[in-house]
Amino acid sequence: MNNATKFEQFIKRELTDDIKNLIVYQENGVYELFGKYVIRSTNDGYYKVTTYPFAGEHLFVTIKNAVSWCTFDNAKRYHEARRIKDLDLRIASIDFDITIHKRMVKNAENIENKWIYIIKLEEDTFKKKMMLSEINSYINTSKMLQANRFSQKKQPVFSRLR
C-alpha cells in the first residue's frame, strides 16, 4: 500500500463525518452548512437557504439568522428554527413600518396626526427591540449548540505513514 492510498483511507475514515459539522464558505458569497444546507444571497438583499436532498427554500433578512436557522434545523430543534424564521420576517416587517411612520411624522400637517405617528413609531421601536432581544437569545443558543457539537467530536487519530 503506497502513501497516497493510506492518505486517501485516512481522509475517508477521519474526515468524512467532520464535513457534516462544518460551515464552508465558497466563492461568490455561497455558504454550505452541515453538508445539507446552502445559503446564497439574492439580488433583493435576502439570503436564500436551500436544503438538500429535499430542495426546500427559505428566505432570511440576515445571514446570521439564516445560519442560526440551519443550526437548529440540523439539530432537529424545529420549534426554535420556526421561531427564528418567524422573528426574522417580523423584524423585516417592523423595519418597513418604522420607515413609513418616520415619513408620516415628517409629512404630518397637523399636530394631532404628528403625535399619533410618533406614538406608532415609539411602539414599533419597542416591538423591534423586544424581537431583536429574543432572536439574539436564539442566535446565542445556536452558537452554544455548535460549540458543544465541536467539543464532543472525537479527535482524529494520526498514525505514521510508512
N, C-alpha and C. Protein backbone atom coordinates (compact mmCIF):
# COMPACT_ATOMS: atom_id res chain seq x y z
N MET A 1 0.85 -1.17 0.00
CA MET A 1 0.00 0.00 0.00
C MET A 1 0.90 1.24 0.00
N ASN A 2 0.68 2.13 -0.94
CA ASN A 2 1.53 3.33 -1.02
C ASN A 2 0.96 4.45 -0.14
N ASN A 3 1.72 5.52 -0.05
CA ASN A 3 1.32 6.64 0.83
C ASN A 3 0.03 7.31 0.36
N ALA A 4 -0.16 7.41 -0.93
CA ALA A 4 -1.38 8.05 -1.45
C ALA A 4 -2.62 7.28 -1.04
N THR A 5 -2.55 5.95 -1.09
CA THR A 5 -3.68 5.12 -0.69
C THR A 5 -3.94 5.25 0.81
N LYS A 6 -2.87 5.26 1.59
CA LYS A 6 -3.02 5.43 3.04
C LYS A 6 -3.64 6.78 3.38
N PHE A 7 -3.19 7.81 2.66
CA PHE A 7 -3.74 9.14 2.90
C PHE A 7 -5.22 9.19 2.52
N GLU A 8 -5.58 8.58 1.43
CA GLU A 8 -6.98 8.54 0.99
C GLU A 8 -7.84 7.80 2.01
N GLN A 9 -7.34 6.71 2.56
CA GLN A 9 -8.07 5.97 3.58
C GLN A 9 -8.23 6.81 4.85
N PHE A 10 -7.19 7.56 5.20
CA PHE A 10 -7.26 8.45 6.36
C PHE A 10 -8.36 9.48 6.17
N ILE A 11 -8.39 10.10 4.99
CA ILE A 11 -9.42 11.11 4.70
C ILE A 11 -10.80 10.50 4.83
N LYS A 12 -11.00 9.34 4.23
CA LYS A 12 -12.32 8.70 4.29
C LYS A 12 -12.69 8.34 5.72
N ARG A 13 -11.74 7.81 6.48
CA ARG A 13 -12.01 7.33 7.83
C ARG A 13 -12.23 8.47 8.81
N GLU A 14 -11.43 9.50 8.74
CA GLU A 14 -11.43 10.51 9.79
C GLU A 14 -12.19 11.79 9.44
N LEU A 15 -12.22 12.18 8.20
CA LEU A 15 -12.74 13.50 7.88
C LEU A 15 -14.11 13.51 7.23
N THR A 16 -14.60 12.41 6.73
CA THR A 16 -15.89 12.40 6.05
C THR A 16 -17.01 12.83 6.98
N ASP A 17 -17.04 12.32 8.20
CA ASP A 17 -18.09 12.72 9.14
C ASP A 17 -17.91 14.16 9.61
N ASP A 18 -16.67 14.64 9.64
CA ASP A 18 -16.42 16.01 10.09
C ASP A 18 -16.94 17.05 9.12
N ILE A 19 -17.04 16.70 7.84
CA ILE A 19 -17.55 17.64 6.85
C ILE A 19 -18.98 18.05 7.22
N LYS A 20 -19.73 17.15 7.81
CA LYS A 20 -21.12 17.44 8.18
C LYS A 20 -21.22 18.43 9.34
N ASN A 21 -20.10 18.71 10.02
CA ASN A 21 -20.09 19.63 11.14
C ASN A 21 -19.52 21.00 10.77
N LEU A 22 -19.19 21.18 9.51
CA LEU A 22 -18.51 22.40 9.10
C LEU A 22 -19.43 23.38 8.39
N ILE A 23 -19.02 24.63 8.45
CA ILE A 23 -19.62 25.68 7.64
C ILE A 23 -18.55 26.06 6.63
N VAL A 24 -18.83 25.85 5.37
CA VAL A 24 -17.84 26.07 4.34
C VAL A 24 -18.24 27.28 3.51
N TYR A 25 -17.33 28.24 3.39
CA TYR A 25 -17.58 29.40 2.55
C TYR A 25 -17.02 29.11 1.17
N GLN A 26 -17.85 29.27 0.17
CA GLN A 26 -17.41 29.11 -1.20
C GLN A 26 -17.36 30.48 -1.85
N GLU A 27 -16.92 30.54 -3.06
CA GLU A 27 -16.83 31.82 -3.75
C GLU A 27 -18.22 32.40 -4.03
N ASN A 28 -18.25 33.69 -4.28
CA ASN A 28 -19.47 34.42 -4.62
C ASN A 28 -20.48 34.47 -3.49
N GLY A 29 -20.03 34.43 -2.25
CA GLY A 29 -20.95 34.57 -1.13
C GLY A 29 -21.86 33.39 -0.88
N VAL A 30 -21.43 32.19 -1.24
CA VAL A 30 -22.23 30.99 -1.04
C VAL A 30 -21.65 30.23 0.15
N TYR A 31 -22.53 29.82 1.05
CA TYR A 31 -22.12 29.06 2.23
C TYR A 31 -22.77 27.69 2.17
N GLU A 32 -22.00 26.65 2.52
CA GLU A 32 -22.56 25.31 2.65
C GLU A 32 -22.41 24.91 4.10
N LEU A 33 -23.52 24.46 4.69
CA LEU A 33 -23.52 24.12 6.11
C LEU A 33 -23.94 22.67 6.30
N PHE A 34 -23.20 21.96 7.11
CA PHE A 34 -23.54 20.61 7.56
C PHE A 34 -23.77 19.63 6.42
N GLY A 35 -23.29 19.93 5.25
CA GLY A 35 -23.43 19.03 4.12
C GLY A 35 -24.84 18.95 3.54
N LYS A 36 -25.78 19.78 4.05
CA LYS A 36 -27.14 19.70 3.51
C LYS A 36 -27.85 21.04 3.35
N TYR A 37 -27.21 22.13 3.70
CA TYR A 37 -27.80 23.46 3.53
C TYR A 37 -26.87 24.32 2.68
N VAL A 38 -27.43 25.10 1.79
CA VAL A 38 -26.67 26.06 1.01
C VAL A 38 -27.33 27.42 1.16
N ILE A 39 -26.53 28.43 1.52
CA ILE A 39 -27.04 29.79 1.69
C ILE A 39 -26.44 30.65 0.58
N ARG A 40 -27.33 31.32 -0.15
CA ARG A 40 -26.92 32.23 -1.22
C ARG A 40 -27.60 33.57 -0.99
N SER A 41 -26.89 34.64 -1.31
CA SER A 41 -27.55 35.95 -1.25
C SER A 41 -28.31 36.16 -2.55
N THR A 42 -29.45 36.81 -2.44
CA THR A 42 -30.29 37.07 -3.61
C THR A 42 -30.04 38.51 -4.09
N ASN A 43 -30.55 38.82 -5.25
CA ASN A 43 -30.41 40.18 -5.78
C ASN A 43 -31.22 41.20 -4.98
N ASP A 44 -32.22 40.72 -4.23
CA ASP A 44 -33.06 41.59 -3.42
C ASP A 44 -32.46 41.92 -2.06
N GLY A 45 -31.31 41.34 -1.74
CA GLY A 45 -30.68 41.59 -0.45
C GLY A 45 -31.04 40.57 0.62
N TYR A 46 -31.75 39.53 0.26
CA TYR A 46 -32.11 38.48 1.20
C TYR A 46 -31.11 37.34 1.10
N TYR A 47 -31.24 36.38 2.00
CA TYR A 47 -30.42 35.18 1.96
C TYR A 47 -31.34 33.98 1.81
N LYS A 48 -31.11 33.20 0.77
CA LYS A 48 -31.95 32.04 0.48
C LYS A 48 -31.23 30.79 0.94
N VAL A 49 -31.90 30.02 1.81
CA VAL A 49 -31.37 28.75 2.29
C VAL A 49 -32.06 27.65 1.51
N THR A 50 -31.26 26.81 0.87
CA THR A 50 -31.77 25.66 0.15
C THR A 50 -31.33 24.41 0.90
N THR A 51 -32.28 23.53 1.19
CA THR A 51 -31.95 22.30 1.91
C THR A 51 -31.90 21.14 0.93
N TYR A 52 -30.95 20.28 1.16
CA TYR A 52 -30.82 19.08 0.33
C TYR A 52 -31.00 17.88 1.22
N PRO A 53 -31.57 16.82 0.79
CA PRO A 53 -31.92 16.43 -0.57
C PRO A 53 -33.32 16.86 -0.99
N PHE A 54 -34.05 17.56 -0.14
CA PHE A 54 -35.45 17.86 -0.44
C PHE A 54 -35.65 19.17 -1.19
N ALA A 55 -34.62 19.96 -1.32
CA ALA A 55 -34.63 21.21 -2.07
C ALA A 55 -35.70 22.19 -1.59
N GLY A 56 -35.91 22.26 -0.29
CA GLY A 56 -36.79 23.29 0.26
C GLY A 56 -36.05 24.61 0.30
N GLU A 57 -36.78 25.72 0.19
CA GLU A 57 -36.16 27.04 0.20
C GLU A 57 -36.78 27.91 1.28
N HIS A 58 -35.92 28.69 1.94
CA HIS A 58 -36.35 29.60 2.99
C HIS A 58 -35.59 30.91 2.81
N LEU A 59 -36.26 32.05 3.00
CA LEU A 59 -35.64 33.36 2.86
C LEU A 59 -35.45 34.01 4.22
N PHE A 60 -34.30 34.68 4.38
CA PHE A 60 -33.98 35.39 5.61
C PHE A 60 -33.42 36.76 5.28
N VAL A 61 -33.56 37.70 6.21
CA VAL A 61 -33.07 39.05 6.00
C VAL A 61 -31.57 39.13 6.29
N THR A 62 -31.09 38.41 7.30
CA THR A 62 -29.67 38.45 7.65
C THR A 62 -29.05 37.06 7.56
N ILE A 63 -27.77 37.04 7.30
CA ILE A 63 -27.04 35.78 7.21
C ILE A 63 -26.97 35.10 8.58
N LYS A 64 -26.91 35.92 9.63
CA LYS A 64 -26.84 35.37 10.99
C LYS A 64 -28.10 34.57 11.32
N ASN A 65 -29.25 35.09 10.93
CA ASN A 65 -30.50 34.38 11.17
C ASN A 65 -30.58 33.11 10.33
N ALA A 66 -30.08 33.17 9.11
CA ALA A 66 -30.09 32.00 8.23
C ALA A 66 -29.22 30.89 8.80
N VAL A 67 -28.03 31.24 9.28
CA VAL A 67 -27.12 30.24 9.86
C VAL A 67 -27.72 29.66 11.14
N SER A 68 -28.32 30.50 11.95
CA SER A 68 -28.94 30.00 13.19
C SER A 68 -30.10 29.06 12.88
N TRP A 69 -30.90 29.39 11.88
CA TRP A 69 -31.99 28.51 11.48
C TRP A 69 -31.44 27.16 11.04
N CYS A 70 -30.39 27.16 10.24
CA CYS A 70 -29.77 25.90 9.78
C CYS A 70 -29.26 25.09 10.96
N THR A 71 -28.66 25.75 11.93
CA THR A 71 -28.12 25.06 13.11
C THR A 71 -29.24 24.38 13.89
N PHE A 72 -30.34 25.09 14.13
CA PHE A 72 -31.46 24.49 14.85
C PHE A 72 -32.13 23.38 14.03
N ASP A 73 -32.32 23.61 12.75
CA ASP A 73 -32.95 22.60 11.91
C ASP A 73 -32.08 21.34 11.85
N ASN A 74 -30.78 21.52 11.76
CA ASN A 74 -29.87 20.37 11.72
C ASN A 74 -29.88 19.60 13.04
N ALA A 75 -30.07 20.33 14.14
CA ALA A 75 -30.12 19.69 15.46
C ALA A 75 -31.52 19.15 15.78
N LYS A 76 -32.42 19.23 14.80
CA LYS A 76 -33.80 18.76 14.95
C LYS A 76 -34.55 19.50 16.06
N ARG A 77 -34.22 20.76 16.23
CA ARG A 77 -34.92 21.63 17.17
C ARG A 77 -35.81 22.54 16.33
N TYR A 78 -36.89 21.96 15.86
CA TYR A 78 -37.75 22.61 14.87
C TYR A 78 -38.53 23.79 15.43
N HIS A 79 -38.88 23.74 16.70
CA HIS A 79 -39.61 24.86 17.31
C HIS A 79 -38.75 26.13 17.26
N GLU A 80 -37.49 26.02 17.66
CA GLU A 80 -36.59 27.17 17.64
C GLU A 80 -36.35 27.64 16.20
N ALA A 81 -36.20 26.69 15.28
CA ALA A 81 -35.98 27.05 13.87
C ALA A 81 -37.17 27.83 13.33
N ARG A 82 -38.38 27.36 13.64
CA ARG A 82 -39.59 28.06 13.19
C ARG A 82 -39.67 29.46 13.80
N ARG A 83 -39.29 29.56 15.06
CA ARG A 83 -39.37 30.86 15.74
C ARG A 83 -38.37 31.85 15.13
N ILE A 84 -37.18 31.39 14.78
CA ILE A 84 -36.20 32.28 14.15
C ILE A 84 -36.74 32.78 12.81
N LYS A 85 -37.31 31.89 12.04
CA LYS A 85 -37.86 32.29 10.75
C LYS A 85 -38.98 33.31 10.93
N ASP A 86 -39.85 33.08 11.91
CA ASP A 86 -40.95 33.99 12.19
C ASP A 86 -40.43 35.36 12.65
N LEU A 87 -39.47 35.37 13.57
CA LEU A 87 -38.92 36.63 14.07
C LEU A 87 -38.20 37.39 12.96
N ASP A 88 -37.48 36.69 12.12
CA ASP A 88 -36.79 37.33 11.01
C ASP A 88 -37.78 38.06 10.12
N LEU A 89 -38.88 37.41 9.81
CA LEU A 89 -39.92 38.02 8.98
C LEU A 89 -40.58 39.21 9.68
N ARG A 90 -40.85 39.06 10.96
CA ARG A 90 -41.49 40.14 11.72
C ARG A 90 -40.58 41.36 11.85
N ILE A 91 -39.28 41.13 12.04
CA ILE A 91 -38.34 42.25 12.15
C ILE A 91 -38.27 43.00 10.82
N ALA A 92 -38.27 42.28 9.71
CA ALA A 92 -38.27 42.94 8.41
C ALA A 92 -39.54 43.77 8.23
N SER A 93 -40.66 43.23 8.67
CA SER A 93 -41.93 43.95 8.56
C SER A 93 -41.94 45.19 9.43
N ILE A 94 -41.45 45.07 10.66
CA ILE A 94 -41.47 46.22 11.57
C ILE A 94 -40.50 47.30 11.10
N ASP A 95 -39.39 46.90 10.45
CA ASP A 95 -38.48 47.89 9.86
C ASP A 95 -39.19 48.72 8.79
N PHE A 96 -39.99 48.05 8.00
CA PHE A 96 -40.77 48.75 6.97
C PHE A 96 -41.77 49.70 7.62
N ASP A 97 -42.44 49.23 8.67
CA ASP A 97 -43.40 50.09 9.38
C ASP A 97 -42.71 51.32 9.97
N ILE A 98 -41.53 51.14 10.53
CA ILE A 98 -40.79 52.26 11.11
C ILE A 98 -40.45 53.28 10.04
N THR A 99 -40.02 52.81 8.89
CA THR A 99 -39.69 53.72 7.79
C THR A 99 -40.92 54.54 7.37
N ILE A 100 -42.05 53.87 7.26
CA ILE A 100 -43.28 54.57 6.86
C ILE A 100 -43.72 55.56 7.93
N HIS A 101 -43.65 55.17 9.20
CA HIS A 101 -44.09 56.08 10.26
C HIS A 101 -43.16 57.28 10.39
N LYS A 102 -41.87 57.10 10.14
CA LYS A 102 -40.96 58.25 10.14
C LYS A 102 -41.33 59.24 9.04
N ARG A 103 -41.65 58.71 7.88
CA ARG A 103 -42.05 59.56 6.76
C ARG A 103 -43.35 60.28 7.09
N MET A 104 -44.29 59.58 7.73
CA MET A 104 -45.58 60.19 8.07
C MET A 104 -45.41 61.28 9.13
N VAL A 105 -44.50 61.08 10.09
CA VAL A 105 -44.24 62.12 11.09
C VAL A 105 -43.71 63.36 10.41
N LYS A 106 -42.80 63.16 9.47
CA LYS A 106 -42.19 64.28 8.77
C LYS A 106 -43.22 65.04 7.91
N ASN A 107 -44.16 64.31 7.32
CA ASN A 107 -45.12 64.93 6.40
C ASN A 107 -46.47 65.29 7.05
N ALA A 108 -46.61 65.05 8.35
CA ALA A 108 -47.89 65.34 9.01
C ALA A 108 -48.17 66.84 9.00
N GLU A 109 -49.42 67.17 8.68
CA GLU A 109 -49.79 68.58 8.56
C GLU A 109 -50.29 69.18 9.86
N ASN A 110 -50.97 68.38 10.69
CA ASN A 110 -51.43 68.95 11.95
C ASN A 110 -50.79 68.19 13.12
N ILE A 111 -50.82 68.80 14.26
CA ILE A 111 -50.11 68.28 15.43
C ILE A 111 -50.70 66.97 15.95
N GLU A 112 -52.03 66.82 15.83
CA GLU A 112 -52.66 65.59 16.31
C GLU A 112 -52.15 64.37 15.51
N ASN A 113 -52.13 64.51 14.21
CA ASN A 113 -51.65 63.40 13.38
C ASN A 113 -50.17 63.11 13.64
N LYS A 114 -49.42 64.19 13.83
CA LYS A 114 -47.99 64.02 14.10
C LYS A 114 -47.78 63.21 15.39
N TRP A 115 -48.55 63.50 16.44
CA TRP A 115 -48.42 62.78 17.70
C TRP A 115 -48.86 61.32 17.55
N ILE A 116 -49.87 61.06 16.75
CA ILE A 116 -50.30 59.68 16.51
C ILE A 116 -49.17 58.89 15.86
N TYR A 117 -48.53 59.49 14.86
CA TYR A 117 -47.44 58.79 14.16
C TYR A 117 -46.21 58.63 15.05
N ILE A 118 -45.97 59.62 15.91
CA ILE A 118 -44.85 59.50 16.85
C ILE A 118 -45.10 58.34 17.82
N ILE A 119 -46.31 58.22 18.30
CA ILE A 119 -46.66 57.12 19.21
C ILE A 119 -46.54 55.78 18.49
N LYS A 120 -47.00 55.71 17.26
CA LYS A 120 -46.86 54.47 16.48
C LYS A 120 -45.39 54.13 16.26
N LEU A 121 -44.59 55.14 16.01
CA LEU A 121 -43.16 54.95 15.82
C LEU A 121 -42.49 54.42 17.09
N GLU A 122 -42.86 54.98 18.22
CA GLU A 122 -42.32 54.51 19.50
C GLU A 122 -42.74 53.06 19.78
N GLU A 123 -43.99 52.75 19.48
CA GLU A 123 -44.47 51.38 19.67
C GLU A 123 -43.72 50.40 18.78
N ASP A 124 -43.51 50.77 17.52
CA ASP A 124 -42.77 49.91 16.60
C ASP A 124 -41.32 49.72 17.05
N THR A 125 -40.72 50.79 17.54
CA THR A 125 -39.34 50.71 18.02
C THR A 125 -39.25 49.78 19.22
N PHE A 126 -40.22 49.85 20.11
CA PHE A 126 -40.23 48.95 21.28
C PHE A 126 -40.41 47.50 20.84
N LYS A 127 -41.34 47.27 19.91
CA LYS A 127 -41.57 45.90 19.41
C LYS A 127 -40.30 45.34 18.78
N LYS A 128 -39.63 46.17 17.98
CA LYS A 128 -38.40 45.72 17.32
C LYS A 128 -37.33 45.38 18.36
N LYS A 129 -37.22 46.20 19.38
CA LYS A 129 -36.23 45.95 20.43
C LYS A 129 -36.50 44.61 21.11
N MET A 130 -37.75 44.32 21.40
CA MET A 130 -38.11 43.06 22.04
C MET A 130 -37.82 41.86 21.12
N MET A 131 -38.17 42.01 19.84
CA MET A 131 -37.92 40.92 18.89
C MET A 131 -36.42 40.69 18.69
N LEU A 132 -35.65 41.76 18.63
CA LEU A 132 -34.20 41.61 18.49
C LEU A 132 -33.59 40.92 19.71
N SER A 133 -34.11 41.25 20.87
CA SER A 133 -33.63 40.59 22.09
C SER A 133 -33.92 39.10 22.05
N GLU A 134 -35.12 38.73 21.61
CA GLU A 134 -35.48 37.32 21.54
C GLU A 134 -34.66 36.58 20.49
N ILE A 135 -34.52 37.19 19.32
CA ILE A 135 -33.78 36.49 18.26
C ILE A 135 -32.30 36.38 18.63
N ASN A 136 -31.76 37.37 19.33
CA ASN A 136 -30.36 37.26 19.78
C ASN A 136 -30.17 36.14 20.78
N SER A 137 -31.19 35.89 21.61
CA SER A 137 -31.08 34.77 22.54
C SER A 137 -31.05 33.44 21.77
N TYR A 138 -31.84 33.34 20.71
CA TYR A 138 -31.81 32.14 19.87
C TYR A 138 -30.47 32.00 19.15
N ILE A 139 -29.94 33.11 18.69
CA ILE A 139 -28.64 33.07 18.00
C ILE A 139 -27.56 32.60 18.96
N ASN A 140 -27.57 33.10 20.18
CA ASN A 140 -26.59 32.66 21.18
C ASN A 140 -26.74 31.18 21.51
N THR A 141 -27.99 30.71 21.57
CA THR A 141 -28.22 29.29 21.82
C THR A 141 -27.67 28.45 20.67
N SER A 142 -27.86 28.92 19.44
CA SER A 142 -27.33 28.16 18.30
C SER A 142 -25.81 28.14 18.32
N LYS A 143 -25.18 29.22 18.77
CA LYS A 143 -23.72 29.23 18.91
C LYS A 143 -23.27 28.21 19.95
N MET A 144 -24.01 28.13 21.06
CA MET A 144 -23.66 27.15 22.09
C MET A 144 -23.85 25.73 21.58
N LEU A 145 -24.91 25.49 20.80
CA LEU A 145 -25.12 24.17 20.21
C LEU A 145 -23.93 23.77 19.35
N GLN A 146 -23.46 24.69 18.53
CA GLN A 146 -22.33 24.40 17.67
C GLN A 146 -21.07 24.19 18.49
N ALA A 147 -20.84 25.01 19.50
CA ALA A 147 -19.64 24.86 20.33
C ALA A 147 -19.64 23.50 21.02
N ASN A 148 -20.81 23.09 21.54
CA ASN A 148 -20.91 21.77 22.17
C ASN A 148 -20.68 20.66 21.17
N ARG A 149 -21.20 20.83 19.99
CA ARG A 149 -21.04 19.80 18.96
C ARG A 149 -19.57 19.65 18.57
N PHE A 150 -18.87 20.77 18.44
CA PHE A 150 -17.46 20.71 18.08
C PHE A 150 -16.62 20.12 19.21
N SER A 151 -16.95 20.44 20.44
CA SER A 151 -16.16 19.94 21.57
C SER A 151 -16.38 18.45 21.79
N GLN A 152 -17.51 17.91 21.35
CA GLN A 152 -17.78 16.48 21.53
C GLN A 152 -17.22 15.62 20.42
N LYS A 153 -16.78 16.24 19.32
CA LYS A 153 -16.25 15.45 18.22
C LYS A 153 -14.95 14.80 18.64
N LYS A 154 -14.76 13.57 18.20
CA LYS A 154 -13.52 12.87 18.53
C LYS A 154 -12.38 13.50 17.74
N GLN A 155 -11.22 13.48 18.32
CA GLN A 155 -10.04 13.99 17.66
C GLN A 155 -9.52 12.93 16.69
N PRO A 156 -9.05 13.36 15.52
CA PRO A 156 -8.56 12.37 14.56
C PRO A 156 -7.33 11.64 15.09
N VAL A 157 -7.27 10.37 14.75
CA VAL A 157 -6.14 9.55 15.16
C VAL A 157 -5.14 9.57 14.01
N PHE A 158 -3.98 10.08 14.30
CA PHE A 158 -2.94 10.13 13.29
C PHE A 158 -1.98 8.97 13.51
N SER A 159 -1.76 8.24 12.48
CA SER A 159 -0.74 7.21 12.56
C SER A 159 0.33 7.55 11.54
N ARG A 160 1.47 7.15 11.82
CA ARG A 160 2.61 7.49 10.97
C ARG A 160 2.49 6.73 9.65
N LEU A 161 2.68 7.47 8.57
CA LEU A 161 2.68 6.84 7.24
C LEU A 161 4.04 6.20 7.02
N ARG A 162 4.01 4.94 6.58
CA ARG A 162 5.30 4.28 6.32
C ARG A 162 5.36 3.81 4.91
